[in-house]
Amino acid sequence: MTIRFNELETPAWVSWLAQDADGSWWGYEAEPHQSHNGWYENEVGRCIRLLQGDPNIAWQQTLIFVPPRKQASALPESSKS
């Protein structure tokens, strides 16, 4: 399964992506901690399950930092000065 992270819709607060051994992909607000078969939030941020992939024996190498995304303007183009 190929995942195109640049096409994955995530909440703006997601700063980290990681896959558990069972193939579940998660988004985290703060850098997650590693457990014996996956990742978990570190009690200072939110997390969200994003999708189910194939099980991955190399799941420990899947932690990815997501650079901050530009915030969309609240004003329509015609209202900008």
Protein backbone atom coordinates (compact mmCIF):
# COMPACT_ATOMS: atom_id res chain seq x y z
CA MET A 1 0.00 0.00 0.00
CA THR A 2 1.42 3.37 -1.02
CA ILE A 3 0.38 6.36 1.08
CA ARG A 4 0.77 9.85 -0.35
CA PHE A 5 1.07 11.95 2.79
CA ASN A 6 0.90 15.20 0.86
CA GLU A 7 -2.60 14.15 -0.29
CA LEU A 8 -3.74 12.90 3.13
CA GLU A 9 -6.25 15.20 4.78
CA THR A 10 -5.33 15.72 8.42
CA PRO A 11 -6.41 18.25 11.04
CA ALA A 12 -4.16 21.32 11.09
CA TRP A 13 -2.88 20.37 14.56
CA VAL A 14 -1.26 17.12 13.34
CA SER A 15 2.52 17.52 13.61
CA TRP A 16 3.59 13.84 13.57
CA LEU A 17 2.52 10.74 11.64
CA ALA A 18 3.32 7.17 12.66
CA GLN A 19 2.25 3.63 11.87
CA ASP A 20 1.65 0.90 14.44
CA ALA A 21 2.71 -2.73 13.88
CA ASP A 22 -0.88 -3.67 12.92
CA GLY A 23 -0.79 -1.14 10.04
CA SER A 24 -2.86 1.63 11.65
CA TRP A 25 -1.65 5.15 10.75
CA TRP A 26 -2.09 7.85 13.38
CA GLY A 27 -1.66 11.62 13.51
CA TYR A 28 -0.29 13.24 16.67
CA GLU A 29 -0.16 16.81 17.91
CA ALA A 30 2.98 16.21 19.99
CA GLU A 31 5.79 13.73 19.31
CA PRO A 32 4.48 10.31 20.37
CA HIS A 33 6.22 7.70 22.50
CA GLN A 34 7.05 4.21 21.26
CA SER A 35 5.53 1.13 22.93
CA HIS A 36 6.13 -2.56 22.24
CA ASN A 37 3.94 -2.61 19.08
CA GLY A 38 3.03 0.98 18.28
CA TRP A 39 3.00 4.62 19.28
CA TYR A 40 1.00 6.51 21.90
CA GLU A 41 0.29 10.13 22.67
CA ASN A 42 2.38 11.63 25.43
CA GLU A 43 -0.51 13.15 27.43
CA VAL A 44 0.17 16.70 26.18
CA GLY A 45 -1.46 16.48 22.77
CA ARG A 46 -4.22 14.99 20.70
CA CYS A 47 -4.13 12.00 18.38
CA ILE A 48 -6.36 10.74 15.58
CA ARG A 49 -6.51 7.44 13.69
CA LEU A 50 -6.12 8.27 10.00
CA LEU A 51 -6.28 5.01 8.05
CA GLN A 52 -5.58 1.29 8.09
CA GLY A 53 -2.58 0.06 6.12
CA ASP A 54 -0.94 -3.34 5.90
CA PRO A 55 0.85 -4.67 8.99
CA ASN A 56 4.43 -3.42 9.08
CA ILE A 57 7.32 -5.24 10.78
CA ALA A 58 9.42 -2.06 10.42
CA TRP A 59 6.83 0.19 12.08
CA GLN A 60 9.51 1.70 14.38
CA GLN A 61 10.94 3.57 11.37
CA THR A 62 7.63 5.23 10.39
CA LEU A 63 7.64 8.28 12.69
CA ILE A 64 7.44 11.36 10.46
CA PHE A 65 7.49 15.04 11.41
CA VAL A 66 4.90 17.07 9.50
CA PRO A 67 6.11 20.63 8.82
CA PRO A 68 3.63 23.36 9.81
CA ARG A 69 1.14 24.11 7.06
CA LYS A 70 0.20 27.60 5.96
CA GLN A 71 -3.08 28.76 7.41
CA ALA A 72 -5.75 29.65 4.87
CA SER A 73 -6.91 33.25 4.94
CA ALA A 74 -10.33 33.84 6.50
CA LEU A 75 -11.02 36.57 3.92
CA PRO A 76 -12.13 35.84 0.37
CA GLU A 77 -9.68 36.92 -2.35
CA SER A 78 -11.85 39.89 -3.35
CA SER A 79 -11.72 41.26 0.22
CA LYS A 80 -7.93 41.42 0.45
CA SER A 81 -6.22 44.80 0.15
